[in-house]
Amino acid sequence: MKMFVEPTRIFLHRDFIDFRKAINGLTALVEDELNRDAYTGDLFVFCNKSKDKLKILYWDKTGFALWQKR
């Protein structure tokens, strides 16, 4: 089973984020702060302040997917 589309690029948000943000909030960060189109299939990686959790956002042509590692 293929888990997600083959990303062409991976972007790491350099600053920590509020981990209460969900898909809409993270999409706004991608477009406003990273100046990227969130609908490209690229992976966008975010971490929390203590850097022990990750969220990965991507578009898979049918909708957004959000993975979280705790």
Protein backbone atom coordinates (compact mmCIF):
# COMPACT_ATOMS: atom_id res chain seq x y z
CA MET A 1 0.00 0.00 0.00
CA LYS A 2 1.35 3.39 -0.96
CA MET A 3 1.12 5.71 2.03
CA PHE A 4 1.34 9.06 0.24
CA VAL A 5 2.30 10.66 -3.02
CA GLU A 6 5.97 10.87 -3.93
CA PRO A 7 6.93 14.35 -2.72
CA THR A 8 9.14 16.40 -4.97
CA ARG A 9 10.24 18.63 -2.10
CA ILE A 10 10.20 18.68 1.69
CA PHE A 11 9.94 22.00 3.54
CA LEU A 12 10.77 22.39 7.22
CA HIS A 13 9.16 25.31 9.04
CA ARG A 14 12.08 26.76 10.99
CA ASP A 15 10.12 28.19 13.94
CA PHE A 16 8.13 26.10 16.38
CA ILE A 17 4.34 26.18 16.05
CA ASP A 18 1.36 25.99 18.35
CA PHE A 19 0.48 22.30 18.12
CA ARG A 20 -3.22 23.05 18.50
CA LYS A 21 -3.14 24.13 14.84
CA ALA A 22 -4.88 21.73 12.50
CA ILE A 23 -5.06 21.52 8.71
CA ASN A 24 -6.51 25.00 8.10
CA GLY A 25 -4.03 26.73 10.41
CA LEU A 26 -1.04 24.86 8.99
CA THR A 27 -2.15 25.55 5.42
CA ALA A 28 -2.27 29.26 6.26
CA LEU A 29 1.31 29.04 7.62
CA VAL A 30 2.49 27.34 4.43
CA GLU A 31 0.96 30.02 2.23
CA ASP A 32 1.66 33.08 4.41
CA GLU A 33 5.03 32.37 6.05
CA LEU A 34 6.66 29.91 3.66
CA ASN A 35 5.18 31.61 0.56
CA ARG A 36 4.43 28.21 -0.97
CA ASP A 37 1.38 26.67 -2.60
CA ALA A 38 0.02 24.04 -0.22
CA TYR A 39 -1.65 22.12 -3.08
CA THR A 40 1.56 20.91 -4.77
CA GLY A 41 2.02 17.54 -3.05
CA ASP A 42 5.17 18.76 -1.28
CA LEU A 43 5.63 17.78 2.37
CA PHE A 44 5.55 20.53 4.98
CA VAL A 45 7.08 19.59 8.33
CA PHE A 46 6.38 21.44 11.59
CA CYS A 47 7.68 20.86 15.12
CA ASN A 48 6.67 21.97 18.59
CA LYS A 49 8.69 24.14 20.96
CA SER A 50 10.43 21.24 22.71
CA LYS A 51 11.12 19.59 19.31
CA ASP A 52 9.82 16.21 20.43
CA LYS A 53 6.71 16.18 18.20
CA LEU A 54 6.21 16.56 14.45
CA LYS A 55 3.31 17.33 12.14
CA ILE A 56 3.54 16.70 8.42
CA LEU A 57 1.03 18.28 6.05
CA TYR A 58 0.58 17.42 2.38
CA TRP A 59 -2.00 17.47 -0.40
CA ASP A 60 -2.67 14.09 -2.06
CA LYS A 61 -5.01 15.25 -4.88
CA THR A 62 -8.13 14.23 -2.95
CA GLY A 63 -7.59 16.38 0.13
CA PHE A 64 -5.09 17.32 2.78
CA ALA A 65 -3.43 14.70 4.95
CA LEU A 66 -1.95 15.53 8.33
CA TRP A 67 0.39 13.14 10.10
CA GLN A 68 1.48 13.63 13.68
CA LYS A 69 4.30 11.92 15.58
CA ARG A 70 4.20 12.13 19.38
